Amino acid sequence: GSNITSNLLHNEIEKSNIYLMENE
């Protein structure tokens, strides 16, 4: 999860969908 945030912040992504694992 932290790596994904790092990716968003580093690449200056303003909007995104995050798909979570089902039934977990």
mmCIF file of all heavy atoms, coordinates in Angstrom:
data_MODEL
# 
_entry.id   MODEL 
# 
loop_
_atom_site.group_PDB 
_atom_site.id 
_atom_site.type_symbol 
_atom_site.label_atom_id 
_atom_site.label_alt_id 
_atom_site.label_comp_id 
_atom_site.label_asym_id 
_atom_site.label_entity_id 
_atom_site.label_seq_id 
_atom_site.pdbx_PDB_ins_code 
_atom_site.Cartn_x 
_atom_site.Cartn_y 
_atom_site.Cartn_z 
_atom_site.occupancy 
_atom_site.B_iso_or_equiv 
_atom_site.pdbx_formal_charge 
_atom_site.auth_seq_id 
_atom_site.auth_comp_id 
_atom_site.auth_asym_id 
_atom_site.auth_atom_id 
_atom_site.pdbx_PDB_model_num 
ATOM 1   N N   . GLY A 1 1  ? 0.820   -1.214  0.000   1.00 0.00 ? 1  GLY A N   1 
ATOM 2   C CA  . GLY A 1 1  ? 0.000   0.000   0.000   1.00 0.00 ? 1  GLY A CA  1 
ATOM 3   C C   . GLY A 1 1  ? 0.846   1.253   0.000   1.00 0.00 ? 1  GLY A C   1 
ATOM 4   O O   . GLY A 1 1  ? 0.578   2.212   -0.730  1.00 0.00 ? 1  GLY A O   1 
ATOM 5   N N   . SER A 1 2  ? 1.912   1.250   0.781   1.00 0.00 ? 2  SER A N   1 
ATOM 6   C CA  . SER A 1 2  ? 2.823   2.389   0.839   1.00 0.00 ? 2  SER A CA  1 
ATOM 7   C C   . SER A 1 2  ? 3.511   2.612   -0.502  1.00 0.00 ? 2  SER A C   1 
ATOM 8   O O   . SER A 1 2  ? 3.681   3.752   -0.946  1.00 0.00 ? 2  SER A O   1 
ATOM 9   C CB  . SER A 1 2  ? 3.861   2.152   1.941   1.00 0.00 ? 2  SER A CB  1 
ATOM 10  O OG  . SER A 1 2  ? 4.782   3.179   1.989   1.00 0.00 ? 2  SER A OG  1 
ATOM 11  N N   . ASN A 1 3  ? 3.897   1.530   -1.168  1.00 0.00 ? 3  ASN A N   1 
ATOM 12  C CA  . ASN A 1 3  ? 4.531   1.640   -2.486  1.00 0.00 ? 3  ASN A CA  1 
ATOM 13  C C   . ASN A 1 3  ? 3.590   2.263   -3.514  1.00 0.00 ? 3  ASN A C   1 
ATOM 14  O O   . ASN A 1 3  ? 4.019   3.030   -4.371  1.00 0.00 ? 3  ASN A O   1 
ATOM 15  C CB  . ASN A 1 3  ? 4.999   0.273   -2.983  1.00 0.00 ? 3  ASN A CB  1 
ATOM 16  C CG  . ASN A 1 3  ? 6.246   -0.202  -2.286  1.00 0.00 ? 3  ASN A CG  1 
ATOM 17  O OD1 . ASN A 1 3  ? 6.855   0.527   -1.512  1.00 0.00 ? 3  ASN A OD1 1 
ATOM 18  N ND2 . ASN A 1 3  ? 6.621   -1.438  -2.531  1.00 0.00 ? 3  ASN A ND2 1 
ATOM 19  N N   . ILE A 1 4  ? 2.323   1.933   -3.427  1.00 0.00 ? 4  ILE A N   1 
ATOM 20  C CA  . ILE A 1 4  ? 1.355   2.506   -4.361  1.00 0.00 ? 4  ILE A CA  1 
ATOM 21  C C   . ILE A 1 4  ? 1.220   4.007   -4.121  1.00 0.00 ? 4  ILE A C   1 
ATOM 22  O O   . ILE A 1 4  ? 1.195   4.798   -5.065  1.00 0.00 ? 4  ILE A O   1 
ATOM 23  C CB  . ILE A 1 4  ? -0.002  1.777   -4.262  1.00 0.00 ? 4  ILE A CB  1 
ATOM 24  C CG1 . ILE A 1 4  ? 0.155   0.382   -4.873  1.00 0.00 ? 4  ILE A CG1 1 
ATOM 25  C CG2 . ILE A 1 4  ? -1.103  2.561   -4.953  1.00 0.00 ? 4  ILE A CG2 1 
ATOM 26  C CD1 . ILE A 1 4  ? -1.042  -0.497  -4.768  1.00 0.00 ? 4  ILE A CD1 1 
ATOM 27  N N   . THR A 1 5  ? 1.159   4.418   -2.860  1.00 0.00 ? 5  THR A N   1 
ATOM 28  C CA  . THR A 1 5  ? 1.105   5.853   -2.561  1.00 0.00 ? 5  THR A CA  1 
ATOM 29  C C   . THR A 1 5  ? 2.353   6.547   -3.084  1.00 0.00 ? 5  THR A C   1 
ATOM 30  O O   . THR A 1 5  ? 2.270   7.629   -3.671  1.00 0.00 ? 5  THR A O   1 
ATOM 31  C CB  . THR A 1 5  ? 0.975   6.092   -1.048  1.00 0.00 ? 5  THR A CB  1 
ATOM 32  O OG1 . THR A 1 5  ? -0.178  5.421   -0.581  1.00 0.00 ? 5  THR A OG1 1 
ATOM 33  C CG2 . THR A 1 5  ? 0.864   7.569   -0.736  1.00 0.00 ? 5  THR A CG2 1 
ATOM 34  N N   . SER A 1 6  ? 3.501   5.935   -2.893  1.00 0.00 ? 6  SER A N   1 
ATOM 35  C CA  . SER A 1 6  ? 4.749   6.502   -3.388  1.00 0.00 ? 6  SER A CA  1 
ATOM 36  C C   . SER A 1 6  ? 4.680   6.696   -4.899  1.00 0.00 ? 6  SER A C   1 
ATOM 37  O O   . SER A 1 6  ? 5.091   7.733   -5.426  1.00 0.00 ? 6  SER A O   1 
ATOM 38  C CB  . SER A 1 6  ? 5.907   5.582   -3.020  1.00 0.00 ? 6  SER A CB  1 
ATOM 39  O OG  . SER A 1 6  ? 7.109   6.091   -3.487  1.00 0.00 ? 6  SER A OG  1 
ATOM 40  N N   . ASN A 1 7  ? 4.135   5.718   -5.591  1.00 0.00 ? 7  ASN A N   1 
ATOM 41  C CA  . ASN A 1 7  ? 3.965   5.801   -7.048  1.00 0.00 ? 7  ASN A CA  1 
ATOM 42  C C   . ASN A 1 7  ? 3.057   6.971   -7.414  1.00 0.00 ? 7  ASN A C   1 
ATOM 43  O O   . ASN A 1 7  ? 3.355   7.752   -8.308  1.00 0.00 ? 7  ASN A O   1 
ATOM 44  C CB  . ASN A 1 7  ? 3.400   4.476   -7.570  1.00 0.00 ? 7  ASN A CB  1 
ATOM 45  C CG  . ASN A 1 7  ? 3.389   4.390   -9.078  1.00 0.00 ? 7  ASN A CG  1 
ATOM 46  O OD1 . ASN A 1 7  ? 3.107   5.355   -9.780  1.00 0.00 ? 7  ASN A OD1 1 
ATOM 47  N ND2 . ASN A 1 7  ? 3.672   3.210   -9.579  1.00 0.00 ? 7  ASN A ND2 1 
ATOM 48  N N   . LEU A 1 8  ? 1.936   7.119   -6.691  1.00 0.00 ? 8  LEU A N   1 
ATOM 49  C CA  . LEU A 1 8  ? 1.003   8.222   -6.954  1.00 0.00 ? 8  LEU A CA  1 
ATOM 50  C C   . LEU A 1 8  ? 1.666   9.575   -6.729  1.00 0.00 ? 8  LEU A C   1 
ATOM 51  O O   . LEU A 1 8  ? 1.522   10.491  -7.536  1.00 0.00 ? 8  LEU A O   1 
ATOM 52  C CB  . LEU A 1 8  ? -0.223  8.126   -6.042  1.00 0.00 ? 8  LEU A CB  1 
ATOM 53  C CG  . LEU A 1 8  ? -1.235  7.037   -6.300  1.00 0.00 ? 8  LEU A CG  1 
ATOM 54  C CD1 . LEU A 1 8  ? -2.279  7.028   -5.192  1.00 0.00 ? 8  LEU A CD1 1 
ATOM 55  C CD2 . LEU A 1 8  ? -1.890  7.224   -7.633  1.00 0.00 ? 8  LEU A CD2 1 
ATOM 56  N N   . LEU A 1 9  ? 2.390   9.705   -5.630  1.00 0.00 ? 9  LEU A N   1 
ATOM 57  C CA  . LEU A 1 9  ? 3.014   10.977  -5.290  1.00 0.00 ? 9  LEU A CA  1 
ATOM 58  C C   . LEU A 1 9  ? 4.184   11.300  -6.222  1.00 0.00 ? 9  LEU A C   1 
ATOM 59  O O   . LEU A 1 9  ? 4.327   12.426  -6.682  1.00 0.00 ? 9  LEU A O   1 
ATOM 60  C CB  . LEU A 1 9  ? 3.480   10.972  -3.832  1.00 0.00 ? 9  LEU A CB  1 
ATOM 61  C CG  . LEU A 1 9  ? 2.367   10.847  -2.783  1.00 0.00 ? 9  LEU A CG  1 
ATOM 62  C CD1 . LEU A 1 9  ? 2.958   10.659  -1.393  1.00 0.00 ? 9  LEU A CD1 1 
ATOM 63  C CD2 . LEU A 1 9  ? 1.441   12.032  -2.821  1.00 0.00 ? 9  LEU A CD2 1 
ATOM 64  N N   . HIS A 1 10 ? 4.989   10.311  -6.509  1.00 0.00 ? 10 HIS A N   1 
ATOM 65  C CA  . HIS A 1 10 ? 6.156   10.516  -7.367  1.00 0.00 ? 10 HIS A CA  1 
ATOM 66  C C   . HIS A 1 10 ? 5.750   10.900  -8.789  1.00 0.00 ? 10 HIS A C   1 
ATOM 67  O O   . HIS A 1 10 ? 6.363   11.753  -9.409  1.00 0.00 ? 10 HIS A O   1 
ATOM 68  C CB  . HIS A 1 10 ? 7.022   9.255   -7.391  1.00 0.00 ? 10 HIS A CB  1 
ATOM 69  C CG  . HIS A 1 10 ? 8.207   9.351   -8.294  1.00 0.00 ? 10 HIS A CG  1 
ATOM 70  N ND1 . HIS A 1 10 ? 9.308   10.107  -7.975  1.00 0.00 ? 10 HIS A ND1 1 
ATOM 71  C CD2 . HIS A 1 10 ? 8.450   8.810   -9.506  1.00 0.00 ? 10 HIS A CD2 1 
ATOM 72  C CE1 . HIS A 1 10 ? 10.184  10.022  -8.962  1.00 0.00 ? 10 HIS A CE1 1 
ATOM 73  N NE2 . HIS A 1 10 ? 9.690   9.243   -9.897  1.00 0.00 ? 10 HIS A NE2 1 
ATOM 74  N N   . ASN A 1 11 ? 4.704   10.264  -9.302  1.00 0.00 ? 11 ASN A N   1 
ATOM 75  C CA  . ASN A 1 11 ? 4.252   10.527  -10.669 1.00 0.00 ? 11 ASN A CA  1 
ATOM 76  C C   . ASN A 1 11 ? 3.191   11.617  -10.745 1.00 0.00 ? 11 ASN A C   1 
ATOM 77  O O   . ASN A 1 11 ? 2.607   11.838  -11.801 1.00 0.00 ? 11 ASN A O   1 
ATOM 78  C CB  . ASN A 1 11 ? 3.739   9.241   -11.321 1.00 0.00 ? 11 ASN A CB  1 
ATOM 79  C CG  . ASN A 1 11 ? 4.857   8.239   -11.505 1.00 0.00 ? 11 ASN A CG  1 
ATOM 80  O OD1 . ASN A 1 11 ? 5.922   8.574   -11.989 1.00 0.00 ? 11 ASN A OD1 1 
ATOM 81  N ND2 . ASN A 1 11 ? 4.620   7.009   -11.082 1.00 0.00 ? 11 ASN A ND2 1 
ATOM 82  N N   . GLU A 1 12 ? 2.924   12.266  -9.605  1.00 0.00 ? 12 GLU A N   1 
ATOM 83  C CA  . GLU A 1 12 ? 1.958   13.363  -9.525  1.00 0.00 ? 12 GLU A CA  1 
ATOM 84  C C   . GLU A 1 12 ? 0.598   12.989  -10.126 1.00 0.00 ? 12 GLU A C   1 
ATOM 85  O O   . GLU A 1 12 ? 0.011   13.741  -10.897 1.00 0.00 ? 12 GLU A O   1 
ATOM 86  C CB  . GLU A 1 12 ? 2.528   14.620  -10.176 1.00 0.00 ? 12 GLU A CB  1 
ATOM 87  C CG  . GLU A 1 12 ? 3.778   15.106  -9.466  1.00 0.00 ? 12 GLU A CG  1 
ATOM 88  C CD  . GLU A 1 12 ? 4.371   16.360  -10.076 1.00 0.00 ? 12 GLU A CD  1 
ATOM 89  O OE1 . GLU A 1 12 ? 3.749   16.955  -10.963 1.00 0.00 ? 12 GLU A OE1 1 
ATOM 90  O OE2 . GLU A 1 12 ? 5.470   16.733  -9.645  1.00 0.00 ? 12 GLU A OE2 1 
ATOM 91  N N   . ILE A 1 13 ? 0.130   11.823  -9.760  1.00 0.00 ? 13 ILE A N   1 
ATOM 92  C CA  . ILE A 1 13 ? -1.176  11.351  -10.219 1.00 0.00 ? 13 ILE A CA  1 
ATOM 93  C C   . ILE A 1 13 ? -2.238  11.968  -9.318  1.00 0.00 ? 13 ILE A C   1 
ATOM 94  O O   . ILE A 1 13 ? -2.222  11.777  -8.106  1.00 0.00 ? 13 ILE A O   1 
ATOM 95  C CB  . ILE A 1 13 ? -1.238  9.809   -10.184 1.00 0.00 ? 13 ILE A CB  1 
ATOM 96  C CG1 . ILE A 1 13 ? -0.190  9.229   -11.139 1.00 0.00 ? 13 ILE A CG1 1 
ATOM 97  C CG2 . ILE A 1 13 ? -2.633  9.311   -10.521 1.00 0.00 ? 13 ILE A CG2 1 
ATOM 98  C CD1 . ILE A 1 13 ? 0.015   7.739   -11.013 1.00 0.00 ? 13 ILE A CD1 1 
ATOM 99  N N   . GLU A 1 14 ? -3.156  12.719  -9.906  1.00 0.00 ? 14 GLU A N   1 
ATOM 100 C CA  . GLU A 1 14 ? -4.174  13.442  -9.138  1.00 0.00 ? 14 GLU A CA  1 
ATOM 101 C C   . GLU A 1 14 ? -5.410  12.590  -8.843  1.00 0.00 ? 14 GLU A C   1 
ATOM 102 O O   . GLU A 1 14 ? -6.034  12.728  -7.803  1.00 0.00 ? 14 GLU A O   1 
ATOM 103 C CB  . GLU A 1 14 ? -4.601  14.713  -9.879  1.00 0.00 ? 14 GLU A CB  1 
ATOM 104 C CG  . GLU A 1 14 ? -3.469  15.705  -10.087 1.00 0.00 ? 14 GLU A CG  1 
ATOM 105 C CD  . GLU A 1 14 ? -2.841  16.188  -8.802  1.00 0.00 ? 14 GLU A CD  1 
ATOM 106 O OE1 . GLU A 1 14 ? -3.575  16.447  -7.837  1.00 0.00 ? 14 GLU A OE1 1 
ATOM 107 O OE2 . GLU A 1 14 ? -1.602  16.282  -8.755  1.00 0.00 ? 14 GLU A OE2 1 
ATOM 108 N N   . LYS A 1 15 ? -5.807  11.737  -9.798  1.00 0.00 ? 15 LYS A N   1 
ATOM 109 C CA  . LYS A 1 15 ? -7.016  10.922  -9.644  1.00 0.00 ? 15 LYS A CA  1 
ATOM 110 C C   . LYS A 1 15 ? -6.694  9.486   -10.031 1.00 0.00 ? 15 LYS A C   1 
ATOM 111 O O   . LYS A 1 15 ? -5.974  9.247   -10.997 1.00 0.00 ? 15 LYS A O   1 
ATOM 112 C CB  . LYS A 1 15 ? -8.126  11.408  -10.580 1.00 0.00 ? 15 LYS A CB  1 
ATOM 113 C CG  . LYS A 1 15 ? -8.597  12.808  -10.332 1.00 0.00 ? 15 LYS A CG  1 
ATOM 114 C CD  . LYS A 1 15 ? -9.630  13.178  -11.375 1.00 0.00 ? 15 LYS A CD  1 
ATOM 115 C CE  . LYS A 1 15 ? -10.073 14.613  -11.226 1.00 0.00 ? 15 LYS A CE  1 
ATOM 116 N NZ  . LYS A 1 15 ? -11.004 14.994  -12.292 1.00 0.00 ? 15 LYS A NZ  1 
ATOM 117 N N   . SER A 1 16 ? -7.271  8.551   -9.279  1.00 0.00 ? 16 SER A N   1 
ATOM 118 C CA  . SER A 1 16 ? -7.069  7.153   -9.640  1.00 0.00 ? 16 SER A CA  1 
ATOM 119 C C   . SER A 1 16 ? -8.136  6.267   -9.013  1.00 0.00 ? 16 SER A C   1 
ATOM 120 O O   . SER A 1 16 ? -8.773  6.627   -8.026  1.00 0.00 ? 16 SER A O   1 
ATOM 121 C CB  . SER A 1 16 ? -5.678  6.672   -9.228  1.00 0.00 ? 16 SER A CB  1 
ATOM 122 O OG  . SER A 1 16 ? -5.555  6.728   -7.838  1.00 0.00 ? 16 SER A OG  1 
ATOM 123 N N   . ASN A 1 17 ? -8.331  5.128   -9.629  1.00 0.00 ? 17 ASN A N   1 
ATOM 124 C CA  . ASN A 1 17 ? -9.150  4.044   -9.090  1.00 0.00 ? 17 ASN A CA  1 
ATOM 125 C C   . ASN A 1 17 ? -8.192  3.044   -8.456  1.00 0.00 ? 17 ASN A C   1 
ATOM 126 O O   . ASN A 1 17 ? -7.147  2.746   -9.033  1.00 0.00 ? 17 ASN A O   1 
ATOM 127 C CB  . ASN A 1 17 ? -9.884  3.307   -10.222 1.00 0.00 ? 17 ASN A CB  1 
ATOM 128 C CG  . ASN A 1 17 ? -10.996 4.106   -10.841 1.00 0.00 ? 17 ASN A CG  1 
ATOM 129 O OD1 . ASN A 1 17 ? -12.002 4.360   -10.210 1.00 0.00 ? 17 ASN A OD1 1 
ATOM 130 N ND2 . ASN A 1 17 ? -10.824 4.500   -12.094 1.00 0.00 ? 17 ASN A ND2 1 
ATOM 131 N N   . ILE A 1 18 ? -8.542  2.531   -7.294  1.00 0.00 ? 18 ILE A N   1 
ATOM 132 C CA  . ILE A 1 18 ? -7.763  1.450   -6.689  1.00 0.00 ? 18 ILE A CA  1 
ATOM 133 C C   . ILE A 1 18 ? -8.719  0.287   -6.470  1.00 0.00 ? 18 ILE A C   1 
ATOM 134 O O   . ILE A 1 18 ? -9.726  0.413   -5.772  1.00 0.00 ? 18 ILE A O   1 
ATOM 135 C CB  . ILE A 1 18 ? -7.110  1.870   -5.361  1.00 0.00 ? 18 ILE A CB  1 
ATOM 136 C CG1 . ILE A 1 18 ? -6.104  2.984   -5.621  1.00 0.00 ? 18 ILE A CG1 1 
ATOM 137 C CG2 . ILE A 1 18 ? -6.443  0.666   -4.709  1.00 0.00 ? 18 ILE A CG2 1 
ATOM 138 C CD1 . ILE A 1 18 ? -5.401  3.470   -4.402  1.00 0.00 ? 18 ILE A CD1 1 
ATOM 139 N N   . TYR A 1 19 ? -8.390  -0.826  -7.085  1.00 0.00 ? 19 TYR A N   1 
ATOM 140 C CA  . TYR A 1 19 ? -9.225  -2.013  -6.988  1.00 0.00 ? 19 TYR A CA  1 
ATOM 141 C C   . TYR A 1 19 ? -8.703  -2.899  -5.868  1.00 0.00 ? 19 TYR A C   1 
ATOM 142 O O   . TYR A 1 19 ? -7.550  -3.333  -5.888  1.00 0.00 ? 19 TYR A O   1 
ATOM 143 C CB  . TYR A 1 19 ? -9.197  -2.773  -8.323  1.00 0.00 ? 19 TYR A CB  1 
ATOM 144 C CG  . TYR A 1 19 ? -10.135 -3.938  -8.362  1.00 0.00 ? 19 TYR A CG  1 
ATOM 145 C CD1 . TYR A 1 19 ? -11.459 -3.752  -8.740  1.00 0.00 ? 19 TYR A CD1 1 
ATOM 146 C CD2 . TYR A 1 19 ? -9.714  -5.207  -8.016  1.00 0.00 ? 19 TYR A CD2 1 
ATOM 147 C CE1 . TYR A 1 19 ? -12.339 -4.821  -8.768  1.00 0.00 ? 19 TYR A CE1 1 
ATOM 148 C CE2 . TYR A 1 19 ? -10.591 -6.276  -8.043  1.00 0.00 ? 19 TYR A CE2 1 
ATOM 149 C CZ  . TYR A 1 19 ? -11.902 -6.077  -8.425  1.00 0.00 ? 19 TYR A CZ  1 
ATOM 150 O OH  . TYR A 1 19 ? -12.769 -7.130  -8.452  1.00 0.00 ? 19 TYR A OH  1 
ATOM 151 N N   . LEU A 1 20 ? -9.537  -3.154  -4.857  1.00 0.00 ? 20 LEU A N   1 
ATOM 152 C CA  . LEU A 1 20 ? -9.114  -3.982  -3.727  1.00 0.00 ? 20 LEU A CA  1 
ATOM 153 C C   . LEU A 1 20 ? -9.461  -5.448  -3.962  1.00 0.00 ? 20 LEU A C   1 
ATOM 154 O O   . LEU A 1 20 ? -10.382 -5.767  -4.711  1.00 0.00 ? 20 LEU A O   1 
ATOM 155 C CB  . LEU A 1 20 ? -9.779  -3.500  -2.440  1.00 0.00 ? 20 LEU A CB  1 
ATOM 156 C CG  . LEU A 1 20 ? -9.416  -2.093  -1.978  1.00 0.00 ? 20 LEU A CG  1 
ATOM 157 C CD1 . LEU A 1 20 ? -10.121 -1.770  -0.674  1.00 0.00 ? 20 LEU A CD1 1 
ATOM 158 C CD2 . LEU A 1 20 ? -7.924  -1.920  -1.819  1.00 0.00 ? 20 LEU A CD2 1 
ATOM 159 N N   . MET A 1 21 ? -8.732  -6.311  -3.299  1.00 0.00 ? 21 MET A N   1 
ATOM 160 C CA  . MET A 1 21 ? -8.942  -7.757  -3.417  1.00 0.00 ? 21 MET A CA  1 
ATOM 161 C C   . MET A 1 21 ? -10.311 -8.135  -2.864  1.00 0.00 ? 21 MET A C   1 
ATOM 162 O O   . MET A 1 21 ? -10.706 -7.648  -1.803  1.00 0.00 ? 21 MET A O   1 
ATOM 163 C CB  . MET A 1 21 ? -7.850  -8.497  -2.638  1.00 0.00 ? 21 MET A CB  1 
ATOM 164 C CG  . MET A 1 21 ? -6.459  -8.201  -3.125  1.00 0.00 ? 21 MET A CG  1 
ATOM 165 S SD  . MET A 1 21 ? -5.190  -8.694  -1.944  1.00 0.00 ? 21 MET A SD  1 
ATOM 166 C CE  . MET A 1 21 ? -5.146  -7.285  -0.850  1.00 0.00 ? 21 MET A CE  1 
ATOM 167 N N   . GLU A 1 22 ? -10.997 -9.007  -3.564  1.00 0.00 ? 22 GLU A N   1 
ATOM 168 C CA  . GLU A 1 22 ? -12.342 -9.395  -3.144  1.00 0.00 ? 22 GLU A CA  1 
ATOM 169 C C   . GLU A 1 22 ? -12.311 -10.275 -1.902  1.00 0.00 ? 22 GLU A C   1 
ATOM 170 O O   . GLU A 1 22 ? -11.464 -11.146 -1.768  1.00 0.00 ? 22 GLU A O   1 
ATOM 171 C CB  . GLU A 1 22 ? -13.052 -10.135 -4.283  1.00 0.00 ? 22 GLU A CB  1 
ATOM 172 C CG  . GLU A 1 22 ? -13.371 -9.228  -5.451  1.00 0.00 ? 22 GLU A CG  1 
ATOM 173 C CD  . GLU A 1 22 ? -14.122 -9.931  -6.550  1.00 0.00 ? 22 GLU A CD  1 
ATOM 174 O OE1 . GLU A 1 22 ? -14.707 -10.998 -6.295  1.00 0.00 ? 22 GLU A OE1 1 
ATOM 175 O OE2 . GLU A 1 22 ? -14.120 -9.392  -7.662  1.00 0.00 ? 22 GLU A OE2 1 
ATOM 176 N N   . ASN A 1 23 ? -13.257 -10.027 -1.006  1.00 0.00 ? 23 ASN A N   1 
ATOM 177 C CA  . ASN A 1 23 ? -13.488 -10.838 0.202   1.00 0.00 ? 23 ASN A CA  1 
ATOM 178 C C   . ASN A 1 23 ? -12.268 -10.960 1.105   1.00 0.00 ? 23 ASN A C   1 
ATOM 179 O O   . ASN A 1 23 ? -12.084 -11.974 1.762   1.00 0.00 ? 23 ASN A O   1 
ATOM 180 C CB  . ASN A 1 23 ? -13.998 -12.232 -0.181  1.00 0.00 ? 23 ASN A CB  1 
ATOM 181 C CG  . ASN A 1 23 ? -15.266 -12.161 -0.982  1.00 0.00 ? 23 ASN A CG  1 
ATOM 182 O OD1 . ASN A 1 23 ? -16.155 -11.368 -0.680  1.00 0.00 ? 23 ASN A OD1 1 
ATOM 183 N ND2 . ASN A 1 23 ? -15.353 -12.968 -2.022  1.00 0.00 ? 23 ASN A ND2 1 
ATOM 184 N N   . GLU A 1 24 ? -11.444 -9.962  1.138   1.00 0.00 ? 24 GLU A N   1 
ATOM 185 C CA  . GLU A 1 24 ? -10.250 -9.954  1.996   1.00 0.00 ? 24 GLU A CA  1 
ATOM 186 C C   . GLU A 1 24 ? -10.282 -8.720  2.882   1.00 0.00 ? 24 GLU A C   1 
ATOM 187 O O   . GLU A 1 24 ? -9.419  -7.847  2.777   1.00 0.00 ? 24 GLU A O   1 
ATOM 188 C CB  . GLU A 1 24 ? -8.978  -9.975  1.136   1.00 0.00 ? 24 GLU A CB  1 
ATOM 189 C CG  . GLU A 1 24 ? -8.770  -11.210 0.315   1.00 0.00 ? 24 GLU A CG  1 
ATOM 190 C CD  . GLU A 1 24 ? -8.401  -12.429 1.142   1.00 0.00 ? 24 GLU A CD  1 
ATOM 191 O OE1 . GLU A 1 24 ? -8.053  -12.272 2.338   1.00 0.00 ? 24 GLU A OE1 1 
ATOM 192 O OE2 . GLU A 1 24 ? -8.467  -13.523 0.606   1.00 0.00 ? 24 GLU A OE2 1 
# 
